[in-house]
C-alpha atoms as a PDB file:
ATOM      1  CA  MET A   1      16.111  73.867 -12.874  1.00  0.00           C
ATOM      2  CA  GLY A   2      14.403  72.553  -9.765  1.00  0.00           C
ATOM      3  CA  ARG A   3      16.406  69.350  -9.840  1.00  0.00           C
ATOM      4  CA  ALA A   4      19.611  71.305 -10.335  1.00  0.00           C
ATOM      5  CA  ALA A   5      18.716  73.534  -7.364  1.00  0.00           C
ATOM      6  CA  ILE A   6      18.024  70.465  -5.187  1.00  0.00           C
ATOM      7  CA  SER A   7      21.333  68.845  -6.264  1.00  0.00           C
ATOM      8  CA  LEU A   8      23.209  72.077  -5.562  1.00  0.00           C
ATOM      9  CA  SER A   9      21.549  72.303  -2.153  1.00  0.00           C
ATOM     10  CA  LYS A  10      22.537  68.697  -1.321  1.00  0.00           C
ATOM     11  CA  LEU A  11      26.089  69.403  -2.493  1.00  0.00           C
ATOM     12  CA  ALA A  12      26.265  72.489  -0.292  1.00  0.00           C
ATOM     13  CA  ASP A  13      24.965  70.500   2.709  1.00  0.00           C
ATOM     14  CA  THR A  14      27.493  67.718   2.129  1.00  0.00           C
ATOM     15  CA  THR A  15      30.299  70.261   1.721  1.00  0.00           C
ATOM     16  CA  ARG A  16      29.240  72.041   4.920  1.00  0.00           C
ATOM     17  CA  GLU A  17      29.314  68.733   6.810  1.00  0.00           C
ATOM     18  CA  GLU A  18      32.493  67.211   5.348  1.00  0.00           C
ATOM     19  CA  LEU A  19      34.735  70.220   4.661  1.00  0.00           C
ATOM     20  CA  PRO A  20      35.669  71.089   8.303  1.00  0.00           C
ATOM     21  CA  SER A  21      36.779  67.541   9.154  1.00  0.00           C
ATOM     22  CA  THR A  22      38.636  67.225   5.833  1.00  0.00           C
ATOM     23  CA  MET A  23      40.437  70.522   6.439  1.00  0.00           C
ATOM     24  CA  ALA A  24      41.328  69.441  10.004  1.00  0.00           C
ATOM     25  CA  ALA A  25      42.781  66.186   8.665  1.00  0.00           C
ATOM     26  CA  ILE A  26      44.803  68.105   6.081  1.00  0.00           C
ATOM     27  CA  ARG A  27      46.126  70.479   8.771  1.00  0.00           C
ATOM     28  CA  LEU A  28      47.057  67.521  10.993  1.00  0.00           C
ATOM     29  CA  SER A  29      48.846  65.805   8.107  1.00  0.00           C
ATOM     30  CA  GLY A  30      50.746  69.024   7.392  1.00  0.00           C
ATOM     31  CA  MET A  31      51.866  69.291  11.020  1.00  0.00           C
ATOM     32  CA  GLU A  32      52.983  65.648  11.040  1.00  0.00           C
ATOM     33  CA  ILE A  33      54.950  66.167   7.834  1.00  0.00           C
ATOM     34  CA  SER A  34      56.543  69.275   9.344  1.00  0.00           C
ATOM     35  CA  ASP A  35      57.513  67.355  12.528  1.00  0.00           C
ATOM     36  CA  LEU A  36      58.938  64.512  10.475  1.00  0.00           C
ATOM     37  CA  THR A  37      60.968  66.964   8.406  1.00  0.00           C
ATOM     38  CA  LEU A  38      62.433  68.502  11.577  1.00  0.00           C
ATOM     39  CA  GLU A  39      63.314  65.068  12.980  1.00  0.00           C
ATOM     40  CA  LEU A  40      64.990  64.068   9.716  1.00  0.00           C
ATOM     41  CA  ASN A  41      66.952  67.317   9.745  1.00  0.00           C
ATOM     42  CA  ASP A  42      68.139  66.655  13.327  1.00  0.00           C
ATOM     43  CA  LEU A  43      69.091  63.091  12.438  1.00  0.00           C
ATOM     44  CA  SER A  44      71.002  64.324   9.413  1.00  0.00           C
ATOM     45  CA  GLN A  45      72.971  66.753  11.587  1.00  0.00           C
ATOM     46  CA  GLU A  46      73.773  64.019  14.123  1.00  0.00           C
ATOM     47  CA  ILE A  47      75.013  61.736  11.357  1.00  0.00           C
ATOM     48  CA  ALA A  48      77.164  64.533   9.924  1.00  0.00           C
ATOM     49  CA  GLU A  49      78.676  65.178  13.379  1.00  0.00           C
ATOM     50  CA  GLY A  50      79.377  61.464  13.823  1.00  0.00           C
ATOM     51  CA  VAL A  51      81.112  61.276  10.459  1.00  0.00           C
ATOM     52  CA  SER A  52      83.144  64.374  11.304  1.00  0.00           C
ATOM     53  CA  LYS A  53      84.247  62.947  14.664  1.00  0.00           C
ATOM     54  CA  SER A  54      85.133  59.629  13.031  1.00  0.00           C
ATOM     55  CA  THR A  55      87.232  61.458  10.454  1.00  0.00           C
ATOM     56  CA  GLN A  56      89.045  63.371  13.193  1.00  0.00           C
ATOM     57  CA  THR A  57      89.736  60.143  15.068  1.00  0.00           C
ATOM     58  CA  VAL A  58      91.136  58.463  11.968  1.00  0.00           C
ATOM     59  CA  GLN A  59      93.323  61.494  11.250  1.00  0.00           C
ATOM     60  CA  ALA A  60      94.579  61.566  14.848  1.00  0.00           C
ATOM     61  CA  ALA A  61      95.366  57.842  14.710  1.00  0.00           C
ATOM     62  CA  GLY A  62      97.266  58.348  11.448  1.00  0.00           C
ATOM     63  CA  ALA A  63      99.273  61.183  12.983  1.00  0.00           C
ATOM     64  CA  GLY A  64     100.031  59.020  16.012  1.00  0.00           C
ATOM     65  CA  ILE A  65     101.224  56.163  13.831  1.00  0.00           C
ATOM     66  CA  ARG A  66     103.471  58.540  11.901  1.00  0.00           C
ATOM     67  CA  GLN A  67     104.905  59.840  15.191  1.00  0.00           C
ATOM     68  CA  ILE A  68     105.543  56.294  16.390  1.00  0.00           C
ATOM     69  CA  GLY A  69     107.344  55.475  13.136  1.00  0.00           C
ATOM     70  CA  THR A  70     109.475  58.600  13.325  1.00  0.00           C
ATOM     71  CA  LEU A  71     110.338  58.006  16.977  1.00  0.00           C
ATOM     72  CA  ALA A  72     111.227  54.369  16.348  1.00  0.00           C
ATOM     73  CA  GLN A  73     113.401  55.322  13.381  1.00  0.00           C
ATOM     74  CA  GLN A  74     115.219  58.013  15.375  1.00  0.00           C
ATOM     75  CA  GLN A  75     115.809  55.691  18.320  1.00  0.00           C
ATOM     76  CA  THR A  76     117.051  52.901  16.051  1.00  0.00           C
ATOM     77  CA  MET A  77     119.430  55.173  14.148  1.00  0.00           C
ATOM     78  CA  SER A  78     120.731  56.666  17.398  1.00  0.00           C
ATOM     79  CA  MET A  79     121.296  53.213  18.823  1.00  0.00           C
ATOM     80  CA  ILE A  80     123.074  51.996  15.681  1.00  0.00           C
ATOM     81  CA  GLN A  81     125.323  55.054  15.620  1.00  0.00           C
ATOM     82  CA  GLU A  82     126.220  54.662  19.301  1.00  0.00           C
ATOM     83  CA  ARG A  83     127.019  51.003  18.922  1.00  0.00           C
ATOM     84  CA  ALA A  84     128.902  51.227  15.623  1.00  0.00           C
ATOM     85  CA  SER A  85     132.150  52.359  17.239  1.00  0.00           C
ATOM     86  CA  LEU A  86     132.172  49.932  20.192  1.00  0.00           C
ATOM     87  CA  PRO A  87     134.768  47.167  20.291  1.00  0.00           C
ATOM     88  CA  ILE A  88     133.620  43.586  19.829  1.00  0.00           C
ATOM     89  CA  ILE A  89     134.297  42.768  23.501  1.00  0.00           C
ATOM     90  CA  SER A  90     131.488  45.049  24.713  1.00  0.00           C
ATOM     91  CA  LEU A  91     128.919  43.624  22.302  1.00  0.00           C
ATOM     92  CA  GLN A  92     126.792  41.896  24.964  1.00  0.00           C
ATOM     93  CA  PRO A  93     126.211  45.081  27.068  1.00  0.00           C
ATOM     94  CA  ALA A  94     125.437  46.885  23.816  1.00  0.00           C
ATOM     95  CA  VAL A  95     122.700  44.390  23.016  1.00  0.00           C
ATOM     96  CA  VAL A  96     121.235  44.756  26.515  1.00  0.00           C
ATOM     97  CA  GLY A  97     121.346  48.546  26.234  1.00  0.00           C
ATOM     98  CA  ALA A  98     119.812  48.432  22.776  1.00  0.00           C
ATOM     99  CA  ALA A  99     117.010  46.218  24.073  1.00  0.00           C
ATOM    100  CA  LYS A 100     116.305  48.643  26.932  1.00  0.00           C
ATOM    101  CA  LYS A 101     116.299  51.645  24.594  1.00  0.00           C
ATOM    102  CA  THR A 102     114.004  49.839  22.180  1.00  0.00           C
ATOM    103  CA  THR A 103     111.664  48.968  25.043  1.00  0.00           C
ATOM    104  CA  ARG A 104     111.611  52.605  26.173  1.00  0.00           C
ATOM    105  CA  ALA A 105     111.011  53.817  22.608  1.00  0.00           C
ATOM    106  CA  VAL A 106     108.127  51.411  22.151  1.00  0.00           C
ATOM    107  CA  GLY A 107     106.708  52.462  25.546  1.00  0.00           C
ATOM    108  CA  GLN A 108     106.920  56.149  24.624  1.00  0.00           C
ATOM    109  CA  ALA A 109     105.332  55.494  21.252  1.00  0.00           C
ATOM    110  CA  THR A 110     102.555  53.499  22.907  1.00  0.00           C
ATOM    111  CA  ARG A 111     101.865  56.323  25.378  1.00  0.00           C
ATOM    112  CA  ILE A 112     101.714  58.885  22.574  1.00  0.00           C
ATOM    113  CA  PHE A 113      99.390  56.696  20.539  1.00  0.00           C
ATOM    114  CA  MET A 114      97.127  55.901  23.502  1.00  0.00           C
ATOM    115  CA  ASN A 115      96.960  59.591  24.485  1.00  0.00           C
ATOM    116  CA  ILE A 116      95.823  60.427  20.994  1.00  0.00           C
ATOM    117  CA  ILE A 117      93.204  57.699  20.852  1.00  0.00           C
ATOM    118  CA  SER A 118      91.932  57.764  24.415  1.00  0.00           C
ATOM    119  CA  PRO A 119      93.520  60.010  27.063  1.00  0.00           C
ATOM    120  CA  LYS A 120      91.671  58.102  29.822  1.00  0.00           C
ATOM    121  CA  ASP A 121      93.409  54.804  28.978  1.00  0.00           C
ATOM    122  CA  SER A 122      96.933  56.294  29.001  1.00  0.00           C
ATOM    123  CA  GLU A 123      97.221  55.824  32.789  1.00  0.00           C
ATOM    124  CA  LYS A 124      96.789  52.069  32.343  1.00  0.00           C
ATOM    125  CA  VAL A 125      99.569  51.994  29.750  1.00  0.00           C
ATOM    126  CA  ASN A 126     101.883  53.915  32.095  1.00  0.00           C
ATOM    127  CA  GLU A 127     101.285  51.387  34.900  1.00  0.00           C
ATOM    128  CA  GLU A 128     101.954  48.451  32.568  1.00  0.00           C
ATOM    129  CA  GLU A 129     105.127  50.062  31.285  1.00  0.00           C
ATOM    130  CA  VAL A 130     106.438  50.602  34.824  1.00  0.00           C
ATOM    131  CA  GLU A 131     105.910  46.904  35.551  1.00  0.00           C
ATOM    132  CA  ILE A 132     107.734  45.946  32.343  1.00  0.00           C
ATOM    133  CA  ASP A 133     110.683  48.222  33.198  1.00  0.00           C
ATOM    134  CA  ARG A 134     110.950  46.645  36.664  1.00  0.00           C
ATOM    135  CA  VAL A 135     111.029  43.147  35.190  1.00  0.00           C
ATOM    136  CA  GLU A 136     113.747  44.084  32.704  1.00  0.00           C
ATOM    137  CA  LEU A 137     116.023  45.699  35.289  1.00  0.00           C
END
């Protein structure tokens, strides 16, 4: 019994000495795990926002491409219908006019597409288009 009492006393002393530092380490580990969990949650939200914005950009680009296709088709059909009834003699001016209309249609489609993708860059496209129109005239 005496040996058991001495062993129990030593165990109690060791527990008294080691338990506070062990508990502090456990608390610190818990706080670090909690901080890490919050950081992972924030990172997850940022990734989700990035994916959402990328999806919106891809959808906007797709819509812009569809608009460009529709505009080009309308301009081409309009041009063909206008030119279908012209006599053969005026064929050369018709080709020049068709080229100008096609250039304008492509310029408009480019502006629409650039405005969808990046509104800041649309001013540059407008300046380039003006220079192209001046050269063609």
